[in-house]
Amino acid sequence: MKISIVADFDTVTGFRLAGVREAFVVDSPEDALEKIKHLIKKEDIGIVITTERILDKIRQQVAELMEGKNFPLIVEVPDKDGKIEKKVDPINELIKRAIGVEIKV
């Protein structure tokens, strides 16, 4: 399974340097949504990485696209401006969905 990145130029460049070949630079959340739609349909993609700022703007649409699907995993990372403080931890939500148990730290 392949890893893909859909993000801004700087984030994509960093992941390309780390060896991610399926890399797409997007200029808007709408462009990101279209790329993510395309990647979700590909059977060889296991993980789609995007930034928190992009995913925050298209989270509902991506959730609808992923309804009933286990793969690819949609993973959000901070961009060059740093982490966004959130009320809900996306990693905890992913674990909760995957195993049905909430982990408290």
Protein backbone atom coordinates (compact mmCIF):
# COMPACT_ATOMS: atom_id res chain seq x y z
CA MET A 1 0.00 0.00 0.00
CA LYS A 2 1.18 3.50 -0.85
CA ILE A 3 1.25 6.70 1.17
CA SER A 4 0.02 9.90 -0.43
CA ILE A 5 0.20 13.55 0.62
CA VAL A 6 -2.23 16.31 -0.35
CA ALA A 7 -1.09 19.64 1.06
CA ASP A 8 0.57 22.99 0.54
CA PHE A 9 3.90 23.28 -1.30
CA ASP A 10 6.13 23.32 1.79
CA THR A 11 4.49 20.30 3.42
CA VAL A 12 4.50 18.32 0.19
CA THR A 13 8.17 19.15 -0.36
CA GLY A 14 9.07 17.80 3.08
CA PHE A 15 7.22 14.56 2.47
CA ARG A 16 8.76 14.19 -0.98
CA LEU A 17 12.19 14.49 0.63
CA ALA A 18 11.12 11.74 3.03
CA GLY A 19 10.30 9.48 0.07
CA VAL A 20 6.56 9.91 -0.49
CA ARG A 21 6.04 9.68 -4.25
CA GLU A 22 2.26 10.19 -4.45
CA ALA A 23 2.43 13.91 -3.61
CA PHE A 24 -0.02 16.61 -4.67
CA VAL A 25 0.32 20.35 -4.07
CA VAL A 26 -3.05 22.06 -3.67
CA ASP A 27 -3.93 25.74 -3.39
CA SER A 28 -7.34 25.47 -1.78
CA PRO A 29 -9.46 23.12 0.33
CA GLU A 30 -11.66 22.50 -2.71
CA ASP A 31 -8.65 21.31 -4.74
CA ALA A 32 -7.63 19.10 -1.81
CA LEU A 33 -11.11 17.57 -1.65
CA GLU A 34 -10.99 16.68 -5.35
CA LYS A 35 -7.56 15.03 -4.97
CA ILE A 36 -8.69 13.15 -1.86
CA LYS A 37 -11.81 11.92 -3.71
CA HIS A 38 -9.55 10.60 -6.45
CA LEU A 39 -7.15 8.92 -4.00
CA ILE A 40 -9.94 7.26 -2.00
CA LYS A 41 -10.99 5.41 -5.16
CA LYS A 42 -7.50 3.98 -5.73
CA GLU A 43 -7.07 0.54 -4.16
CA ASP A 44 -3.29 0.84 -3.76
CA ILE A 45 -3.44 3.91 -1.47
CA GLY A 46 -3.31 3.02 2.23
CA ILE A 47 -2.75 6.43 3.83
CA VAL A 48 -3.65 9.93 2.68
CA ILE A 49 -1.86 12.67 4.63
CA THR A 50 -3.07 16.25 4.64
CA THR A 51 -2.65 19.26 6.90
CA GLU A 52 -4.88 20.19 9.82
CA ARG A 53 -5.76 23.53 8.22
CA ILE A 54 -6.90 21.91 4.99
CA LEU A 55 -8.81 19.09 6.64
CA ASP A 56 -10.60 21.44 9.05
CA LYS A 57 -12.27 23.09 6.07
CA ILE A 58 -13.36 19.85 4.36
CA ARG A 59 -13.71 17.49 7.34
CA GLN A 60 -17.45 16.88 6.88
CA GLN A 61 -17.13 16.06 3.16
CA VAL A 62 -14.19 13.71 3.80
CA ALA A 63 -16.10 11.99 6.62
CA GLU A 64 -19.01 11.40 4.23
CA LEU A 65 -16.66 10.00 1.57
CA MET A 66 -15.08 7.63 4.11
CA GLU A 67 -18.41 6.41 5.52
CA GLY A 68 -18.20 2.62 5.82
CA LYS A 69 -14.61 2.45 4.55
CA ASN A 70 -11.54 1.43 6.52
CA PHE A 71 -8.95 2.48 3.93
CA PRO A 72 -7.28 4.69 3.10
CA LEU A 73 -6.60 6.20 6.50
CA ILE A 74 -6.86 9.98 6.42
CA VAL A 75 -4.10 11.41 8.61
CA GLU A 76 -3.72 15.08 9.43
CA VAL A 77 -0.41 16.71 10.31
CA PRO A 78 0.52 20.25 11.32
CA ASP A 79 1.72 22.52 8.53
CA LYS A 80 4.62 24.99 8.64
CA ASP A 81 2.58 27.33 10.88
CA GLY A 82 2.32 24.71 13.63
CA LYS A 83 -0.36 22.72 15.37
CA ILE A 84 -3.95 23.90 15.71
CA GLU A 85 -5.40 23.54 19.21
CA LYS A 86 -8.50 21.34 19.04
CA LYS A 87 -11.21 20.22 21.40
CA VAL A 88 -11.11 16.69 19.96
CA ASP A 89 -7.89 14.77 19.34
CA PRO A 90 -8.08 13.20 15.85
CA ILE A 91 -5.79 10.31 16.81
CA ASN A 92 -8.02 9.39 19.75
CA GLU A 93 -11.05 9.56 17.45
CA LEU A 94 -9.31 7.28 14.93
CA ILE A 95 -8.50 4.75 17.67
CA LYS A 96 -12.04 4.97 19.03
CA ARG A 97 -13.49 4.26 15.57
CA ALA A 98 -11.03 1.44 14.88
CA ILE A 99 -11.33 -0.51 18.15
CA GLY A 100 -14.45 0.94 19.71
CA VAL A 101 -12.72 2.10 22.89
CA GLU A 102 -11.83 5.63 23.98
CA ILE A 103 -8.34 6.02 25.42
CA LYS A 104 -7.90 8.64 28.14
CA VAL A 105 -4.43 9.93 28.88
